[in-house]
């Protein structure tokens, strides 16, 4: 079914809003709640569940990217039209900013509220575990590359039908379980941008890394998949299907 550009961009806005509000909201509001906090595992699950639910609900409209790095990687893999990339990135970033704004309004809605790091990403003194720049860069590049490989494999034409969203959501959960202590987990430039605008100033200063590293990783993951894992016939069918869905 063909969808208009407006519907596709609306789906990307809503999906990215949900990812940031649900994932970062769990970190800001629930992770350390006295006596009942959900901790790293809960936050990791929250991010995975936002992508899983968003993929099934909104994927049929826009492809369910919700992440500028994913959109770039899909262009490199031949699964997405480059001409549509700018619009998707703008919609994703605006969705993330809107989610962060709503979350900020909620988080500051009680006397004496302190937002702390506001689920922002960082390295060095802004890393949850004190990890430096090189560790942060390597973590974000490697995990985003793996994320793209999983996305491409789970959505290939010969993959198990109907399970792509589940595989992608669980992959993002695992990514967070590994990397929250290092960078607070980005693998998504839009997710990093929204909270950074409302968090501590250092988050904005370090934001560039969480654009560069995930996009590098996405490109690497797409190239690895195309060169080492994809079958030519299967990728041709997958690309044709994806581009037809994109309309």
Protein backbone atom coordinates (compact mmCIF):
# COMPACT_ATOMS: atom_id res chain seq x y z
CA UNK A 1 0.00 0.00 0.00
CA UNK A 2 1.34 3.38 -0.96
CA UNK A 3 1.43 6.09 1.69
CA UNK A 4 1.83 9.81 1.23
CA UNK A 5 5.00 11.59 2.29
CA UNK A 6 3.04 13.36 5.02
CA UNK A 7 1.87 10.05 6.50
CA UNK A 8 5.35 8.57 6.38
CA UNK A 9 6.92 11.59 8.07
CA UNK A 10 4.12 11.64 10.64
CA UNK A 11 4.82 7.98 11.42
CA UNK A 12 8.52 8.71 11.87
CA UNK A 13 7.74 11.68 14.13
CA UNK A 14 5.36 9.63 16.29
CA UNK A 15 7.63 6.60 16.40
CA UNK A 16 10.67 8.62 17.44
CA UNK A 17 8.56 10.51 19.97
CA UNK A 18 7.49 7.19 21.47
CA UNK A 19 11.04 5.83 21.53
CA UNK A 20 12.44 8.88 23.33
CA UNK A 21 9.47 9.40 25.65
CA UNK A 22 9.23 5.74 26.59
CA UNK A 23 12.93 4.95 26.77
CA UNK A 24 14.27 8.17 28.25
CA UNK A 25 11.13 8.56 30.35
CA UNK A 26 11.82 5.23 32.01
CA UNK A 27 15.36 6.42 32.81
CA UNK A 28 14.32 9.84 34.10
CA UNK A 29 11.17 8.91 36.01
CA UNK A 30 11.43 5.26 36.99
CA UNK A 31 15.03 3.98 36.95
CA UNK A 32 15.96 5.15 40.43
CA UNK A 33 12.52 5.53 42.04
CA UNK A 34 13.06 4.86 45.78
CA UNK A 35 12.61 1.20 46.60
CA UNK A 36 10.98 0.32 43.30
CA UNK A 37 13.38 1.59 40.64
CA UNK A 38 13.55 -0.41 37.43
CA UNK A 39 17.32 0.04 37.02
CA UNK A 40 19.40 -0.65 33.91
CA UNK A 41 17.41 -3.76 32.98
CA UNK A 42 14.11 -1.91 33.10
CA UNK A 43 15.42 0.97 31.01
CA UNK A 44 16.88 -1.45 28.49
CA UNK A 45 13.55 -3.22 28.17
CA UNK A 46 11.74 0.08 27.83
CA UNK A 47 13.85 1.11 24.83
CA UNK A 48 13.41 -2.30 23.26
CA UNK A 49 9.66 -2.25 23.79
CA UNK A 50 9.25 1.19 22.25
CA UNK A 51 10.97 0.03 19.07
CA UNK A 52 9.11 -3.29 19.04
CA UNK A 53 5.67 -1.69 19.43
CA UNK A 54 6.52 1.18 17.10
CA UNK A 55 7.78 -1.18 14.42
CA UNK A 56 4.55 -3.17 14.34
CA UNK A 57 2.26 -0.16 14.64
CA UNK A 58 4.04 2.32 12.37
CA UNK A 59 6.43 0.24 10.31
CA UNK A 60 3.79 -0.52 7.65
CA UNK A 61 3.48 3.23 7.04
CA UNK A 62 7.07 4.50 7.07
CA UNK A 63 9.29 1.46 7.48
CA UNK A 64 9.73 2.17 11.19
CA UNK A 65 13.20 3.74 11.22
CA UNK A 66 12.84 6.18 14.18
CA UNK A 67 16.59 6.79 13.96
CA UNK A 68 18.68 8.90 11.53
CA UNK A 69 21.52 6.36 11.64
CA UNK A 70 19.15 3.56 10.63
CA UNK A 71 17.81 5.66 7.75
CA UNK A 72 21.35 6.33 6.52
CA UNK A 73 22.26 2.67 6.83
CA UNK A 74 19.20 1.62 4.85
CA UNK A 75 20.16 4.04 2.08
CA UNK A 76 23.64 2.50 1.94
CA UNK A 77 22.07 -0.97 1.85
CA UNK A 78 19.77 0.00 -1.01
CA UNK A 79 16.63 -0.44 1.08
CA UNK A 80 15.60 3.23 1.19
CA UNK A 81 15.58 6.14 -1.23
CA UNK A 82 18.25 8.77 -0.60
CA UNK A 83 15.83 11.49 -1.73
CA UNK A 84 13.62 10.74 1.27
CA UNK A 85 16.45 10.79 3.80
CA UNK A 86 16.41 14.53 4.72
CA UNK A 87 12.68 14.50 5.45
CA UNK A 88 12.97 11.41 7.61
CA UNK A 89 15.85 12.86 9.63
CA UNK A 90 14.00 16.12 10.25
CA UNK A 91 10.86 14.25 11.36
CA UNK A 92 12.87 12.00 13.66
CA UNK A 93 14.74 14.86 15.31
CA UNK A 94 11.57 16.89 15.78
CA UNK A 95 9.84 13.88 17.31
CA UNK A 96 12.72 13.41 19.73
CA UNK A 97 12.71 17.08 20.72
CA UNK A 98 8.95 17.04 21.27
CA UNK A 99 9.25 13.95 23.47
CA UNK A 100 12.04 15.50 25.51
CA UNK A 101 9.98 18.67 25.97
CA UNK A 102 6.98 16.72 27.29
CA UNK A 103 9.24 14.61 29.50
CA UNK A 104 10.91 17.73 30.87
CA UNK A 105 7.52 19.23 31.72
CA UNK A 106 6.57 16.06 33.60
CA UNK A 107 9.93 15.62 35.34
CA UNK A 108 9.88 19.20 36.67
CA UNK A 109 6.25 18.96 37.72
CA UNK A 110 6.87 18.58 41.45
CA UNK A 111 8.40 20.85 44.10
CA UNK A 112 12.18 20.66 44.28
CA UNK A 113 12.46 18.56 41.15
CA UNK A 114 15.97 17.84 39.87
CA UNK A 115 16.40 16.32 36.42
CA UNK A 116 20.06 15.36 36.82
CA UNK A 117 21.56 14.11 33.59
CA UNK A 118 18.11 13.84 31.99
CA UNK A 119 19.00 10.56 30.20
CA UNK A 120 21.57 12.35 28.05
CA UNK A 121 24.54 10.61 26.44
CA UNK A 122 28.17 11.34 27.15
CA UNK A 123 31.75 10.27 27.73
CA UNK A 124 34.45 11.11 30.25
CA UNK A 125 32.93 12.90 33.21
CA UNK A 126 29.49 12.62 31.58
CA UNK A 127 29.69 8.84 31.12
CA UNK A 128 27.70 6.89 33.75
CA UNK A 129 30.75 4.66 34.33
CA UNK A 130 33.43 7.26 33.64
CA UNK A 131 34.44 5.76 30.27
CA UNK A 132 36.54 7.97 28.01
CA UNK A 133 36.13 9.21 24.46
CA UNK A 134 37.74 6.22 22.70
CA UNK A 135 35.62 3.71 24.62
CA UNK A 136 32.48 5.70 23.84
CA UNK A 137 33.32 6.00 20.15
CA UNK A 138 34.09 2.30 19.80
CA UNK A 139 30.99 1.27 21.71
CA UNK A 140 28.63 3.39 19.63
CA UNK A 141 30.19 2.41 16.29
CA UNK A 142 30.25 -1.33 16.99
CA UNK A 143 26.77 -1.54 18.50
CA UNK A 144 25.17 0.55 15.77
CA UNK A 145 26.84 -1.63 13.14
CA UNK A 146 25.43 -4.76 14.78
CA UNK A 147 22.03 -3.06 15.05
CA UNK A 148 22.00 -2.44 11.29
CA UNK A 149 23.05 -6.00 10.53
CA UNK A 150 20.18 -7.30 12.68
CA UNK A 151 17.70 -4.90 11.06
CA UNK A 152 18.75 -5.87 7.55
CA UNK A 153 18.77 -9.58 8.33
CA UNK A 154 15.48 -9.56 10.24
CA UNK A 155 13.70 -7.70 7.44
CA UNK A 156 15.17 -9.65 4.51
CA UNK A 157 12.67 -11.37 2.22
CA UNK A 158 13.79 -14.82 3.33
CA UNK A 159 13.59 -14.04 7.06
CA UNK A 160 10.86 -15.40 9.34
CA UNK A 161 7.71 -13.50 8.44
CA UNK A 162 6.29 -11.28 11.16
CA UNK A 163 9.22 -11.56 13.56
CA UNK A 164 11.37 -8.66 12.35
CA UNK A 165 10.07 -6.19 14.91
CA UNK A 166 10.65 -8.66 17.74
CA UNK A 167 14.26 -9.30 16.70
CA UNK A 168 14.97 -5.59 16.34
CA UNK A 169 13.38 -4.70 19.68
CA UNK A 170 15.29 -7.42 21.51
CA UNK A 171 18.52 -6.35 19.82
CA UNK A 172 18.05 -2.79 21.07
CA UNK A 173 17.37 -4.14 24.55
CA UNK A 174 20.65 -6.06 24.49
CA UNK A 175 22.50 -3.04 23.15
CA UNK A 176 21.32 -1.03 26.15
CA UNK A 177 22.25 -3.77 28.60
CA UNK A 178 25.80 -3.61 27.27
CA UNK A 179 26.31 0.11 26.83
CA UNK A 180 24.31 2.09 29.39
CA UNK A 181 27.35 2.20 31.71
CA UNK A 182 29.56 3.47 28.89
CA UNK A 183 27.59 6.21 27.12
CA UNK A 184 24.05 5.85 28.51
CA UNK A 185 23.43 4.30 25.05
CA UNK A 186 22.69 6.33 21.98
CA UNK A 187 23.00 4.36 18.70
CA UNK A 188 20.48 6.99 17.59
CA UNK A 189 21.35 10.66 16.94
CA UNK A 190 17.75 11.82 17.34
CA UNK A 191 17.44 10.10 20.73
CA UNK A 192 20.61 11.91 21.83
CA UNK A 193 19.55 15.31 20.49
CA UNK A 194 16.17 15.67 22.19
CA UNK A 195 17.28 15.16 25.81
CA UNK A 196 20.54 17.08 25.26
CA UNK A 197 18.58 20.28 24.60
CA UNK A 198 17.02 20.08 28.08
CA UNK A 199 19.85 18.45 30.02
CA UNK A 200 23.21 19.71 31.31
CA UNK A 201 25.33 21.88 29.00
CA UNK A 202 27.99 19.18 28.65
CA UNK A 203 25.45 16.99 26.83
CA UNK A 204 25.22 19.55 24.02
CA UNK A 205 29.01 19.92 23.94
CA UNK A 206 29.42 16.17 23.44
CA UNK A 207 26.41 15.68 21.16
CA UNK A 208 28.50 15.64 17.98
CA UNK A 209 29.93 12.23 18.90
CA UNK A 210 26.44 10.77 19.10
CA UNK A 211 25.77 11.85 15.54
CA UNK A 212 29.11 10.83 14.08
CA UNK A 213 29.58 7.44 15.76
CA UNK A 214 26.11 5.96 15.15
CA UNK A 215 26.13 7.05 11.50
CA UNK A 216 29.62 5.58 11.03
CA UNK A 217 28.45 2.37 12.62
CA UNK A 218 25.32 2.23 10.48
CA UNK A 219 27.33 2.62 7.28
CA UNK A 220 29.80 -0.06 8.40
CA UNK A 221 26.98 -2.43 9.32
CA UNK A 222 25.22 -1.91 6.00
CA UNK A 223 28.43 -2.54 4.04
CA UNK A 224 29.25 -5.68 6.05
CA UNK A 225 25.77 -7.05 5.46
CA UNK A 226 25.84 -6.34 1.73
CA UNK A 227 29.32 -7.77 1.18
CA UNK A 228 29.30 -10.78 3.49
CA UNK A 229 25.77 -11.83 4.36
CA UNK A 230 23.23 -10.85 1.73
CA UNK A 231 22.24 -12.90 -1.29
CA UNK A 232 21.95 -10.85 -4.47
CA UNK A 233 18.52 -12.20 -5.37
CA UNK A 234 17.16 -11.81 -1.85
CA UNK A 235 18.44 -8.28 -1.51
CA UNK A 236 17.02 -7.31 -4.89
CA UNK A 237 13.58 -8.54 -3.79
CA UNK A 238 13.89 -6.89 -0.36
CA UNK A 239 15.00 -3.58 -1.89
CA UNK A 240 12.19 -3.64 -4.42
CA UNK A 241 9.65 -4.36 -1.69
CA UNK A 242 11.03 -1.67 0.62
CA UNK A 243 11.10 0.97 -2.08
CA UNK A 244 7.60 0.04 -3.22
CA UNK A 245 6.34 0.37 0.36
CA UNK A 246 8.08 3.74 0.64
CA UNK A 247 5.97 4.80 -2.28
